């Protein structure tokens, strides 16, 4: 079984249940909100091979776009935030989350020229 926990807003205590069920964990703009420490801790603890980011457009725009209509381009802001939180580079996390999405949805992997 594989699937995605869309717009995961819970904390680290809930992660094991979904990971054991074979789910990927997708973080939305909520992870960037100042009051989302528990969700940020979950993003920090989520295994790299199960981590995704998403927009959830048109809702839940990440900081610094809170209050605006969310759009796919803002996913980069969520990715940057999670990369910084995890102490990794944006390029690394972009590659990892793209590979995870490809694996989850059965898409062909990107070639080096597409990255």
PDB file of N, CA and C in Angstrom:
ATOM      1  N   UNK A   1       0.860  -1.176   0.000  1.00  0.00           N
ATOM      2  CA  UNK A   1       0.000   0.000   0.000  1.00  0.00           C
ATOM      3  C   UNK A   1       0.897   1.228   0.000  1.00  0.00           C
ATOM      4  N   UNK A   2       0.548   2.188  -0.830  1.00  0.00           N
ATOM      5  CA  UNK A   2       1.245   3.466  -0.790  1.00  0.00           C
ATOM      6  C   UNK A   2       0.221   4.564  -0.994  1.00  0.00           C
ATOM      7  N   UNK A   3       0.530   5.701  -0.459  1.00  0.00           N
ATOM      8  CA  UNK A   3      -0.368   6.840  -0.579  1.00  0.00           C
ATOM      9  C   UNK A   3       0.311   8.056   0.002  1.00  0.00           C
ATOM     10  N   UNK A   4      -0.445   9.139   0.082  1.00  0.00           N
ATOM     11  CA  UNK A   4       0.117  10.381   0.583  1.00  0.00           C
ATOM     12  C   UNK A   4      -0.815  10.972   1.637  1.00  0.00           C
ATOM     13  N   UNK A   5      -0.221  11.403   2.728  1.00  0.00           N
ATOM     14  CA  UNK A   5      -0.958  12.159   3.726  1.00  0.00           C
ATOM     15  C   UNK A   5      -0.930  13.606   3.263  1.00  0.00           C
ATOM     16  N   UNK A   6      -1.960  13.970   2.531  1.00  0.00           N
ATOM     17  CA  UNK A   6      -2.087  15.308   1.956  1.00  0.00           C
ATOM     18  C   UNK A   6      -2.204  16.339   3.065  1.00  0.00           C
ATOM     19  N   UNK A   7      -1.430  17.409   2.947  1.00  0.00           N
ATOM     20  CA  UNK A   7      -1.506  18.540   3.865  1.00  0.00           C
ATOM     21  C   UNK A   7      -1.377  18.073   5.320  1.00  0.00           C
ATOM     22  N   UNK A   8      -0.316  17.352   5.600  1.00  0.00           N
ATOM     23  CA  UNK A   8      -0.080  16.834   6.945  1.00  0.00           C
ATOM     24  C   UNK A   8       0.098  18.005   7.905  1.00  0.00           C
ATOM     25  N   UNK A   9      -0.787  18.113   8.881  1.00  0.00           N
ATOM     26  CA  UNK A   9      -0.741  19.238   9.826  1.00  0.00           C
ATOM     27  C   UNK A   9      -0.497  18.781  11.264  1.00  0.00           C
ATOM     28  N   UNK A  10      -0.282  17.485  11.426  1.00  0.00           N
ATOM     29  CA  UNK A  10      -0.090  16.947  12.769  1.00  0.00           C
ATOM     30  C   UNK A  10       1.372  17.074  13.192  1.00  0.00           C
ATOM     31  N   UNK A  11       1.661  16.508  14.327  1.00  0.00           N
ATOM     32  CA  UNK A  11       3.001  16.584  14.879  1.00  0.00           C
ATOM     33  C   UNK A  11       3.765  15.285  14.751  1.00  0.00           C
ATOM     34  N   UNK A  12       4.929  15.227  15.396  1.00  0.00           N
ATOM     35  CA  UNK A  12       5.785  14.048  15.279  1.00  0.00           C
ATOM     36  C   UNK A  12       5.199  12.789  15.905  1.00  0.00           C
ATOM     37  N   UNK A  13       4.335  12.935  16.882  1.00  0.00           N
ATOM     38  CA  UNK A  13       3.757  11.754  17.532  1.00  0.00           C
ATOM     39  C   UNK A  13       2.850  10.967  16.595  1.00  0.00           C
ATOM     40  N   UNK A  14       2.272  11.633  15.612  1.00  0.00           N
ATOM     41  CA  UNK A  14       1.369  10.961  14.673  1.00  0.00           C
ATOM     42  C   UNK A  14       2.106  10.336  13.485  1.00  0.00           C
ATOM     43  N   UNK A  15       3.339  10.739  13.249  1.00  0.00           N
ATOM     44  CA  UNK A  15       4.096  10.243  12.088  1.00  0.00           C
ATOM     45  C   UNK A  15       4.196   8.720  12.004  1.00  0.00           C
ATOM     46  N   UNK A  16       4.562   8.019  13.083  1.00  0.00           N
ATOM     47  CA  UNK A  16       4.787   6.569  12.959  1.00  0.00           C
ATOM     48  C   UNK A  16       3.598   5.811  12.386  1.00  0.00           C
ATOM     49  N   UNK A  17       2.398   6.151  12.783  1.00  0.00           N
ATOM     50  CA  UNK A  17       1.213   5.454  12.291  1.00  0.00           C
ATOM     51  C   UNK A  17       1.137   5.506  10.772  1.00  0.00           C
ATOM     52  N   UNK A  18       1.328   6.689  10.215  1.00  0.00           N
ATOM     53  CA  UNK A  18       1.217   6.862   8.766  1.00  0.00           C
ATOM     54  C   UNK A  18       2.420   6.284   8.029  1.00  0.00           C
ATOM     55  N   UNK A  19       3.586   6.400   8.611  1.00  0.00           N
ATOM     56  CA  UNK A  19       4.775   5.825   7.980  1.00  0.00           C
ATOM     57  C   UNK A  19       4.689   4.307   7.949  1.00  0.00           C
ATOM     58  N   UNK A  20       4.234   3.700   9.046  1.00  0.00           N
ATOM     59  CA  UNK A  20       4.082   2.245   9.089  1.00  0.00           C
ATOM     60  C   UNK A  20       3.036   1.760   8.102  1.00  0.00           C
ATOM     61  N   UNK A  21       2.075   2.612   7.766  1.00  0.00           N
ATOM     62  CA  UNK A  21       1.051   2.272   6.781  1.00  0.00           C
ATOM     63  C   UNK A  21       1.558   2.455   5.346  1.00  0.00           C
ATOM     64  N   UNK A  22       2.811   2.887   5.185  1.00  0.00           N
ATOM     65  CA  UNK A  22       3.395   3.043   3.866  1.00  0.00           C
ATOM     66  C   UNK A  22       3.128   4.378   3.208  1.00  0.00           C
ATOM     67  N   UNK A  23       2.688   5.348   3.991  1.00  0.00           N
ATOM     68  CA  UNK A  23       2.330   6.648   3.433  1.00  0.00           C
ATOM     69  C   UNK A  23       3.540   7.569   3.297  1.00  0.00           C
ATOM     70  N   UNK A  24       3.450   8.440   2.304  1.00  0.00           N
ATOM     71  CA  UNK A  24       4.363   9.566   2.176  1.00  0.00           C
ATOM     72  C   UNK A  24       3.719  10.728   2.929  1.00  0.00           C
ATOM     73  N   UNK A  25       4.536  11.630   3.440  1.00  0.00           N
ATOM     74  CA  UNK A  25       4.034  12.731   4.250  1.00  0.00           C
ATOM     75  C   UNK A  25       4.273  14.037   3.499  1.00  0.00           C
ATOM     76  N   UNK A  26       3.185  14.757   3.200  1.00  0.00           N
ATOM     77  CA  UNK A  26       3.277  15.983   2.417  1.00  0.00           C
ATOM     78  C   UNK A  26       2.970  17.195   3.290  1.00  0.00           C
ATOM     79  N   UNK A  27       3.915  18.122   3.309  1.00  0.00           N
ATOM     80  CA  UNK A  27       3.781  19.325   4.111  1.00  0.00           C
ATOM     81  C   UNK A  27       3.382  20.498   3.225  1.00  0.00           C
ATOM     82  N   UNK A  28       2.418  21.257   3.692  1.00  0.00           N
ATOM     83  CA  UNK A  28       1.915  22.422   2.962  1.00  0.00           C
ATOM     84  C   UNK A  28       2.469  23.694   3.595  1.00  0.00           C
ATOM     85  N   UNK A  29       1.968  24.827   3.177  1.00  0.00           N
ATOM     86  CA  UNK A  29       2.383  26.113   3.715  1.00  0.00           C
ATOM     87  C   UNK A  29       2.200  26.241   5.213  1.00  0.00           C
ATOM     88  N   UNK A  30       1.355  25.424   5.798  1.00  0.00           N
ATOM     89  CA  UNK A  30       1.133  25.470   7.248  1.00  0.00           C
ATOM     90  C   UNK A  30       2.440  25.288   8.011  1.00  0.00           C
ATOM     91  N   UNK A  31       3.340  24.478   7.482  1.00  0.00           N
ATOM     92  CA  UNK A  31       4.602  24.229   8.176  1.00  0.00           C
ATOM     93  C   UNK A  31       5.412  25.519   8.356  1.00  0.00           C
ATOM     94  N   UNK A  32       5.158  26.533   7.541  1.00  0.00           N
ATOM     95  CA  UNK A  32       5.896  27.800   7.632  1.00  0.00           C
ATOM     96  C   UNK A  32       5.288  28.776   8.631  1.00  0.00           C
ATOM     97  N   UNK A  33       4.103  28.482   9.162  1.00  0.00           N
ATOM     98  CA  UNK A  33       3.421  29.398  10.059  1.00  0.00           C
ATOM     99  C   UNK A  33       4.120  29.432  11.418  1.00  0.00           C
ATOM    100  N   UNK A  34       4.166  30.600  12.037  1.00  0.00           N
ATOM    101  CA  UNK A  34       4.859  30.776  13.311  1.00  0.00           C
ATOM    102  C   UNK A  34       4.335  29.861  14.416  1.00  0.00           C
ATOM    103  N   UNK A  35       3.054  29.587  14.445  1.00  0.00           N
ATOM    104  CA  UNK A  35       2.472  28.764  15.496  1.00  0.00           C
ATOM    105  C   UNK A  35       2.471  27.278  15.207  1.00  0.00           C
ATOM    106  N   UNK A  36       3.223  26.830  14.225  1.00  0.00           N
ATOM    107  CA  UNK A  36       3.183  25.428  13.796  1.00  0.00           C
ATOM    108  C   UNK A  36       4.410  24.639  14.237  1.00  0.00           C
ATOM    109  N   UNK A  37       4.858  24.858  15.460  1.00  0.00           N
ATOM    110  CA  UNK A  37       6.064  24.186  15.931  1.00  0.00           C
ATOM    111  C   UNK A  37       5.956  22.664  15.901  1.00  0.00           C
ATOM    112  N   UNK A  38       4.791  22.134  16.251  1.00  0.00           N
ATOM    113  CA  UNK A  38       4.620  20.686  16.245  1.00  0.00           C
ATOM    114  C   UNK A  38       4.717  20.133  14.816  1.00  0.00           C
ATOM    115  N   UNK A  39       4.113  20.820  13.878  1.00  0.00           N
ATOM    116  CA  UNK A  39       4.188  20.412  12.473  1.00  0.00           C
ATOM    117  C   UNK A  39       5.619  20.554  11.948  1.00  0.00           C
ATOM    118  N   UNK A  40       6.316  21.583  12.393  1.00  0.00           N
ATOM    119  CA  UNK A  40       7.709  21.767  11.995  1.00  0.00           C
ATOM    120  C   UNK A  40       8.574  20.630  12.541  1.00  0.00           C
ATOM    121  N   UNK A  41       8.296  20.210  13.759  1.00  0.00           N
ATOM    122  CA  UNK A  41       9.030  19.078  14.335  1.00  0.00           C
ATOM    123  C   UNK A  41       8.765  17.809  13.530  1.00  0.00           C
ATOM    124  N   UNK A  42       7.533  17.627  13.062  1.00  0.00           N
ATOM    125  CA  UNK A  42       7.219  16.476  12.212  1.00  0.00           C
ATOM    126  C   UNK A  42       7.998  16.546  10.901  1.00  0.00           C
ATOM    127  N   UNK A  43       8.100  17.739  10.309  1.00  0.00           N
ATOM    128  CA  UNK A  43       8.862  17.904   9.064  1.00  0.00           C
ATOM    129  C   UNK A  43      10.341  17.616   9.292  1.00  0.00           C
ATOM    130  N   UNK A  44      10.824  17.931  10.460  1.00  0.00           N
ATOM    131  CA  UNK A  44      12.210  17.659  10.809  1.00  0.00           C
ATOM    132  C   UNK A  44      12.451  16.158  10.972  1.00  0.00           C
ATOM    133  N   UNK A  45      11.515  15.459  11.554  1.00  0.00           N
ATOM    134  CA  UNK A  45      11.673  14.028  11.851  1.00  0.00           C
ATOM    135  C   UNK A  45      11.235  13.094  10.729  1.00  0.00           C
ATOM    136  N   UNK A  46      10.494  13.585   9.774  1.00  0.00           N
ATOM    137  CA  UNK A  46      10.000  12.733   8.685  1.00  0.00           C
ATOM    138  C   UNK A  46      11.188  12.144   7.911  1.00  0.00           C
ATOM    139  N   UNK A  47      11.195  10.840   7.689  1.00  0.00           N
ATOM    140  CA  UNK A  47      12.298  10.264   6.909  1.00  0.00           C
ATOM    141  C   UNK A  47      12.369  10.901   5.519  1.00  0.00           C
ATOM    142  N   UNK A  48      13.583  11.146   5.076  1.00  0.00           N
ATOM    143  CA  UNK A  48      13.788  11.832   3.805  1.00  0.00           C
ATOM    144  C   UNK A  48      13.107  11.113   2.645  1.00  0.00           C
ATOM    145  N   UNK A  49      13.092   9.787   2.690  1.00  0.00           N
ATOM    146  CA  UNK A  49      12.528   9.032   1.568  1.00  0.00           C
ATOM    147  C   UNK A  49      11.002   8.992   1.561  1.00  0.00           C
ATOM    148  N   UNK A  50      10.362   9.686   2.505  1.00  0.00           N
ATOM    149  CA  UNK A  50       8.903   9.758   2.546  1.00  0.00           C
ATOM    150  C   UNK A  50       8.388  11.188   2.537  1.00  0.00           C
ATOM    151  N   UNK A  51       9.266  12.148   2.397  1.00  0.00           N
ATOM    152  CA  UNK A  51       8.937  13.566   2.520  1.00  0.00           C
ATOM    153  C   UNK A  51       8.491  14.165   1.185  1.00  0.00           C
ATOM    154  N   UNK A  52       7.410  14.925   1.231  1.00  0.00           N
ATOM    155  CA  UNK A  52       6.913  15.691   0.089  1.00  0.00           C
ATOM    156  C   UNK A  52       6.542  17.090   0.565  1.00  0.00           C
ATOM    157  N   UNK A  53       6.468  18.033  -0.370  1.00  0.00           N
ATOM    158  CA  UNK A  53       5.911  19.355  -0.090  1.00  0.00           C
ATOM    159  C   UNK A  53       4.848  19.632  -1.136  1.00  0.00           C
ATOM    160  N   UNK A  54       3.899  20.495  -0.785  1.00  0.00           N
ATOM    161  CA  UNK A  54       2.785  20.779  -1.687  1.00  0.00           C
ATOM    162  C   UNK A  54       2.300  22.203  -1.486  1.00  0.00           C
ATOM    163  N   UNK A  55       1.454  22.638  -2.402  1.00  0.00           N
ATOM    164  CA  UNK A  55       0.890  23.978  -2.282  1.00  0.00           C
ATOM    165  C   UNK A  55      -0.451  23.983  -1.575  1.00  0.00           C
ATOM    166  N   UNK A  56      -1.286  23.002  -1.832  1.00  0.00           N
ATOM    167  CA  UNK A  56      -2.686  22.986  -1.404  1.00  0.00           C
ATOM    168  C   UNK A  56      -3.426  24.208  -1.949  1.00  0.00           C
ATOM    169  N   UNK A  57      -2.988  24.681  -3.116  1.00  0.00           N
ATOM    170  CA  UNK A  57      -3.619  25.842  -3.756  1.00  0.00           C
ATOM    171  C   UNK A  57      -5.100  25.579  -3.979  1.00  0.00           C
ATOM    172  N   UNK A  58      -5.933  26.557  -3.776  1.00  0.00           N
ATOM    173  CA  UNK A  58      -5.653  27.971  -3.559  1.00  0.00           C
ATOM    174  C   UNK A  58      -5.595  28.357  -2.077  1.00  0.00           C
ATOM    175  N   UNK A  59      -5.462  27.379  -1.193  1.00  0.00           N
ATOM    176  CA  UNK A  59      -5.489  27.639   0.246  1.00  0.00           C
ATOM    177  C   UNK A  59      -4.103  27.527   0.868  1.00  0.00           C
ATOM    178  N   UNK A  60      -3.974  28.012   2.090  1.00  0.00           N
ATOM    179  CA  UNK A  60      -2.820  27.809   2.961  1.00  0.00           C
ATOM    180  C   UNK A  60      -1.498  28.274   2.360  1.00  0.00           C
ATOM    181  N   UNK A  61      -1.479  29.482   1.846  1.00  0.00           N
ATOM    182  CA  UNK A  61      -0.247  30.047   1.296  1.00  0.00           C
ATOM    183  C   UNK A  61       0.821  30.123   2.383  1.00  0.00           C
ATOM    184  N   UNK A  62       2.049  29.745   2.047  1.00  0.00           N
ATOM    185  CA  UNK A  62       3.128  29.787   3.045  1.00  0.00           C
ATOM    186  C   UNK A  62       3.573  31.214   3.335  1.00  0.00           C
ATOM    187  N   UNK A  63       4.244  31.370   4.466  1.00  0.00           N
ATOM    188  CA  UNK A  63       4.915  32.648   4.732  1.00  0.00           C
ATOM    189  C   UNK A  63       5.943  32.809   3.624  1.00  0.00           C
ATOM    190  N   UNK A  64       6.108  33.906   3.024  1.00  0.00           N
ATOM    191  CA  UNK A  64       5.616  35.242   3.347  1.00  0.00           C
ATOM    192  C   UNK A  64       4.339  35.628   2.601  1.00  0.00           C
ATOM    193  N   UNK A  65       3.603  34.664   2.090  1.00  0.00           N
ATOM    194  CA  UNK A  65       2.418  34.947   1.273  1.00  0.00           C
ATOM    195  C   UNK A  65       1.104  34.729   2.015  1.00  0.00           C
ATOM    196  N   UNK A  66       1.155  34.550   3.324  1.00  0.00           N
ATOM    197  CA  UNK A  66      -0.073  34.295   4.093  1.00  0.00           C
ATOM    198  C   UNK A  66      -1.122  35.331   3.785  1.00  0.00           C
ATOM    199  N   UNK A  67      -2.366  34.869   3.652  1.00  0.00           N
ATOM    200  CA  UNK A  67      -3.473  35.770   3.369  1.00  0.00           C
ATOM    201  C   UNK A  67      -3.702  35.966   1.888  1.00  0.00           C
ATOM    202  N   UNK A  68      -2.777  35.505   1.060  1.00  0.00           N
ATOM    203  CA  UNK A  68      -2.937  35.592  -0.391  1.00  0.00           C
ATOM    204  C   UNK A  68      -3.490  34.279  -0.922  1.00  0.00           C
ATOM    205  N   UNK A  69      -3.976  34.319  -2.145  1.00  0.00           N
ATOM    206  CA  UNK A  69      -4.391  33.098  -2.814  1.00  0.00           C
ATOM    207  C   UNK A  69      -3.125  32.282  -3.094  1.00  0.00           C
ATOM    208  N   UNK A  70      -3.104  31.049  -2.651  1.00  0.00           N
ATOM    209  CA  UNK A  70      -1.941  30.195  -2.851  1.00  0.00           C
ATOM    210  C   UNK A  70      -1.852  29.780  -4.314  1.00  0.00           C
ATOM    211  N   UNK A  71      -0.650  29.560  -4.789  1.00  0.00           N
ATOM    212  CA  UNK A  71      -0.447  29.118  -6.162  1.00  0.00           C
ATOM    213  C   UNK A  71       0.752  28.180  -6.195  1.00  0.00           C
ATOM    214  N   UNK A  72       0.860  27.354  -7.224  1.00  0.00           N
ATOM    215  CA  UNK A  72       1.940  26.363  -7.278  1.00  0.00           C
ATOM    216  C   UNK A  72       3.344  26.945  -7.113  1.00  0.00           C
ATOM    217  N   UNK A  73       3.586  28.143  -7.596  1.00  0.00           N
ATOM    218  CA  UNK A  73       4.918  28.742  -7.466  1.00  0.00           C
ATOM    219  C   UNK A  73       5.329  28.894  -6.002  1.00  0.00           C
ATOM    220  N   UNK A  74       4.372  29.004  -5.103  1.00  0.00           N
ATOM    221  CA  UNK A  74       4.685  29.178  -3.686  1.00  0.00           C
ATOM    222  C   UNK A  74       5.215  27.898  -3.035  1.00  0.00           C
ATOM    223  N   UNK A  75       5.111  26.783  -3.719  1.00  0.00           N
ATOM    224  CA  UNK A  75       5.653  25.528  -3.198  1.00  0.00           C
ATOM    225  C   UNK A  75       7.151  25.680  -2.933  1.00  0.00           C
ATOM    226  N   UNK A  76       7.802  26.518  -3.732  1.00  0.00           N
ATOM    227  CA  UNK A  76       9.237  26.756  -3.543  1.00  0.00           C
ATOM    228  C   UNK A  76       9.507  27.376  -2.175  1.00  0.00           C
ATOM    229  N   UNK A  77       8.607  28.211  -1.687  1.00  0.00           N
ATOM    230  CA  UNK A  77       8.775  28.815  -0.360  1.00  0.00           C
ATOM    231  C   UNK A  77       8.663  27.761   0.736  1.00  0.00           C
ATOM    232  N   UNK A  78       7.731  26.846   0.580  1.00  0.00           N
ATOM    233  CA  UNK A  78       7.584  25.759   1.551  1.00  0.00           C
ATOM    234  C   UNK A  78       8.818  24.869   1.514  1.00  0.00           C
ATOM    235  N   UNK A  79       9.293  24.557   0.327  1.00  0.00           N
ATOM    236  CA  UNK A  79      10.492  23.734   0.185  1.00  0.00           C
ATOM    237  C   UNK A  79      11.696  24.407   0.838  1.00  0.00           C
ATOM    238  N   UNK A  80      11.882  25.703   0.595  1.00  0.00           N
ATOM    239  CA  UNK A  80      13.003  26.432   1.204  1.00  0.00           C
ATOM    240  C   UNK A  80      12.926  26.380   2.729  1.00  0.00           C
ATOM    241  N   UNK A  81      11.721  26.578   3.261  1.00  0.00           N
ATOM    242  CA  UNK A  81      11.541  26.560   4.707  1.00  0.00           C
ATOM    243  C   UNK A  81      11.904  25.190   5.280  1.00  0.00           C
ATOM    244  N   UNK A  82      11.395  24.134   4.668  1.00  0.00           N
ATOM    245  CA  UNK A  82      11.666  22.780   5.175  1.00  0.00           C
ATOM    246  C   UNK A  82      13.149  22.438   5.025  1.00  0.00           C
ATOM    247  N   UNK A  83      13.766  22.844   3.938  1.00  0.00           N
ATOM    248  CA  UNK A  83      15.202  22.593   3.761  1.00  0.00           C
ATOM    249  C   UNK A  83      15.999  23.272   4.873  1.00  0.00           C
ATOM    250  N   UNK A  84      15.681  24.518   5.150  1.00  0.00           N
ATOM    251  CA  UNK A  84      16.383  25.237   6.221  1.00  0.00           C
ATOM    252  C   UNK A  84      16.141  24.569   7.570  1.00  0.00           C
ATOM    253  N   UNK A  85      14.913  24.197   7.820  1.00  0.00           N
ATOM    254  CA  UNK A  85      14.559  23.515   9.063  1.00  0.00           C
ATOM    255  C   UNK A  85      15.377  22.238   9.240  1.00  0.00           C
ATOM    256  N   UNK A  86      15.559  21.500   8.167  1.00  0.00           N
ATOM    257  CA  UNK A  86      16.267  20.224   8.199  1.00  0.00           C
ATOM    258  C   UNK A  86      17.784  20.379   8.056  1.00  0.00           C
ATOM    259  N   UNK A  87      18.248  21.605   7.810  1.00  0.00           N
ATOM    260  CA  UNK A  87      19.679  21.836   7.678  1.00  0.00           C
ATOM    261  C   UNK A  87      20.266  21.267   6.405  1.00  0.00           C
ATOM    262  N   UNK A  88      19.503  21.307   5.329  1.00  0.00           N
ATOM    263  CA  UNK A  88      19.970  20.797   4.048  1.00  0.00           C
ATOM    264  C   UNK A  88      19.780  21.860   2.976  1.00  0.00           C
ATOM    265  N   UNK A  89      20.328  21.627   1.824  1.00  0.00           N
ATOM    266  CA  UNK A  89      20.208  22.609   0.754  1.00  0.00           C
ATOM    267  C   UNK A  89      18.861  22.487   0.046  1.00  0.00           C
ATOM    268  N   UNK A  90      18.439  23.582  -0.534  1.00  0.00           N
ATOM    269  CA  UNK A  90      17.203  23.590  -1.320  1.00  0.00           C
ATOM    270  C   UNK A  90      17.344  22.625  -2.494  1.00  0.00           C
ATOM    271  N   UNK A  91      18.495  22.624  -3.154  1.00  0.00           N
ATOM    272  CA  UNK A  91      18.701  21.725  -4.295  1.00  0.00           C
ATOM    273  C   UNK A  91      18.570  20.266  -3.887  1.00  0.00           C
ATOM    274  N   UNK A  92      19.163  19.924  -2.752  1.00  0.00           N
ATOM    275  CA  UNK A  92      19.069  18.537  -2.276  1.00  0.00           C
ATOM    276  C   UNK A  92      17.623  18.149  -1.994  1.00  0.00           C
ATOM    277  N   UNK A  93      16.921  19.002  -1.248  1.00  0.00           N
ATOM    278  CA  UNK A  93      15.547  18.662  -0.890  1.00  0.00           C
ATOM    279  C   UNK A  93      14.635  18.660  -2.114  1.00  0.00           C
ATOM    280  N   UNK A  94      14.889  19.526  -3.073  1.00  0.00           N
ATOM    281  CA  UNK A  94      14.102  19.521  -4.311  1.00  0.00           C
ATOM    282  C   UNK A  94      14.300  18.208  -5.054  1.00  0.00           C
ATOM    283  N   UNK A  95      15.538  17.740  -5.112  1.00  0.00           N
ATOM    284  CA  UNK A  95      15.815  16.461  -5.777  1.00  0.00           C
ATOM    285  C   UNK A  95      15.125  15.309  -5.040  1.00  0.00           C
ATOM    286  N   UNK A  96      15.256  15.303  -3.727  1.00  0.00           N
ATOM    287  CA  UNK A  96      14.662  14.236  -2.911  1.00  0.00           C
ATOM    288  C   UNK A  96      13.143  14.203  -3.059  1.00  0.00           C
ATOM    289  N   UNK A  97      12.489  15.352  -2.924  1.00  0.00           N
ATOM    290  CA  UNK A  97      11.022  15.367  -2.988  1.00  0.00           C
ATOM    291  C   UNK A  97      10.527  15.047  -4.401  1.00  0.00           C
ATOM    292  N   UNK A  98      11.288  15.432  -5.413  1.00  0.00           N
ATOM    293  CA  UNK A  98      10.920  15.070  -6.784  1.00  0.00           C
ATOM    294  C   UNK A  98      11.036  13.564  -6.985  1.00  0.00           C
ATOM    295  N   UNK A  99      12.121  12.980  -6.495  1.00  0.00           N
ATOM    296  CA  UNK A  99      12.287  11.524  -6.585  1.00  0.00           C
ATOM    297  C   UNK A  99      11.191  10.801  -5.812  1.00  0.00           C
ATOM    298  N   UNK A 100      10.832  11.323  -4.639  1.00  0.00           N
ATOM    299  CA  UNK A 100       9.760  10.708  -3.850  1.00  0.00           C
ATOM    300  C   UNK A 100       8.436  10.761  -4.596  1.00  0.00           C
ATOM    301  N   UNK A 101       8.119  11.907  -5.184  1.00  0.00           N
ATOM    302  CA  UNK A 101       6.868  12.042  -5.936  1.00  0.00           C
ATOM    303  C   UNK A 101       6.868  11.116  -7.144  1.00  0.00           C
ATOM    304  N   UNK A 102       7.995  10.997  -7.816  1.00  0.00           N
ATOM    305  CA  UNK A 102       8.091  10.091  -8.968  1.00  0.00           C
ATOM    306  C   UNK A 102       7.829   8.654  -8.541  1.00  0.00           C
ATOM    307  N   UNK A 103       8.440   8.251  -7.429  1.00  0.00           N
ATOM    308  CA  UNK A 103       8.248   6.893  -6.918  1.00  0.00           C
ATOM    309  C   UNK A 103       6.797   6.669  -6.485  1.00  0.00           C
ATOM    310  N   UNK A 104       6.233   7.614  -5.756  1.00  0.00           N
ATOM    311  CA  UNK A 104       4.867   7.486  -5.260  1.00  0.00           C
ATOM    312  C   UNK A 104       3.857   7.375  -6.389  1.00  0.00           C
ATOM    313  N   UNK A 105       3.986   8.238  -7.383  1.00  0.00           N
ATOM    314  CA  UNK A 105       2.987   8.292  -8.455  1.00  0.00           C
ATOM    315  C   UNK A 105       3.365   7.469  -9.678  1.00  0.00           C
ATOM    316  N   UNK A 106       4.474   6.709  -9.609  1.00  0.00           N
ATOM    317  CA  UNK A 106       4.871   5.849 -10.711  1.00  0.00           C
ATOM    318  C   UNK A 106       5.316   6.616 -11.946  1.00  0.00           C
ATOM    319  N   UNK A 107       5.922   7.780 -11.747  1.00  0.00           N
ATOM    320  CA  UNK A 107       6.410   8.599 -12.854  1.00  0.00           C
ATOM    321  C   UNK A 107       7.848   8.221 -13.168  1.00  0.00           C
ATOM    322  N   UNK A 108       8.267   8.414 -14.417  1.00  0.00           N
ATOM    323  CA  UNK A 108       9.667   8.115 -14.725  1.00  0.00           C
ATOM    324  C   UNK A 108      10.576   9.098 -13.994  1.00  0.00           C
ATOM    325  N   UNK A 109      11.735   8.628 -13.571  1.00  0.00           N
ATOM    326  CA  UNK A 109      12.655   9.535 -12.876  1.00  0.00           C
ATOM    327  C   UNK A 109      13.150  10.608 -13.836  1.00  0.00           C
ATOM    328  N   UNK A 110      13.497  11.766 -13.285  1.00  0.00           N
ATOM    329  CA  UNK A 110      14.021  12.854 -14.097  1.00  0.00           C
ATOM    330  C   UNK A 110      15.455  12.556 -14.486  1.00  0.00           C
ATOM    331  N   UNK A 111      15.816  12.947 -15.696  1.00  0.00           N
ATOM    332  CA  UNK A 111      17.216  12.836 -16.110  1.00  0.00           C
ATOM    333  C   UNK A 111      17.979  14.012 -15.523  1.00  0.00           C
ATOM    334  N   UNK A 112      19.289  13.966 -15.569  1.00  0.00           N
ATOM    335  CA  UNK A 112      20.104  15.048 -15.024  1.00  0.00           C
ATOM    336  C   UNK A 112      19.773  16.377 -15.689  1.00  0.00           C
ATOM    337  N   UNK A 113      19.466  16.381 -16.973  1.00  0.00           N
ATOM    338  CA  UNK A 113      19.138  17.612 -17.688  1.00  0.00           C
ATOM    339  C   UNK A 113      17.798  18.207 -17.284  1.00  0.00           C
ATOM    340  N   UNK A 114      16.923  17.430 -16.644  1.00  0.00           N
ATOM    341  CA  UNK A 114      15.604  17.924 -16.228  1.00  0.00           C
ATOM    342  C   UNK A 114      15.602  18.448 -14.801  1.00  0.00           C
ATOM    343  N   UNK A 115      16.650  18.206 -14.058  1.00  0.00           N
ATOM    344  CA  UNK A 115      16.679  18.591 -12.642  1.00  0.00           C
ATOM    345  C   UNK A 115      16.922  20.058 -12.475  1.00  0.00           C
TER     346      UNK A 115
END
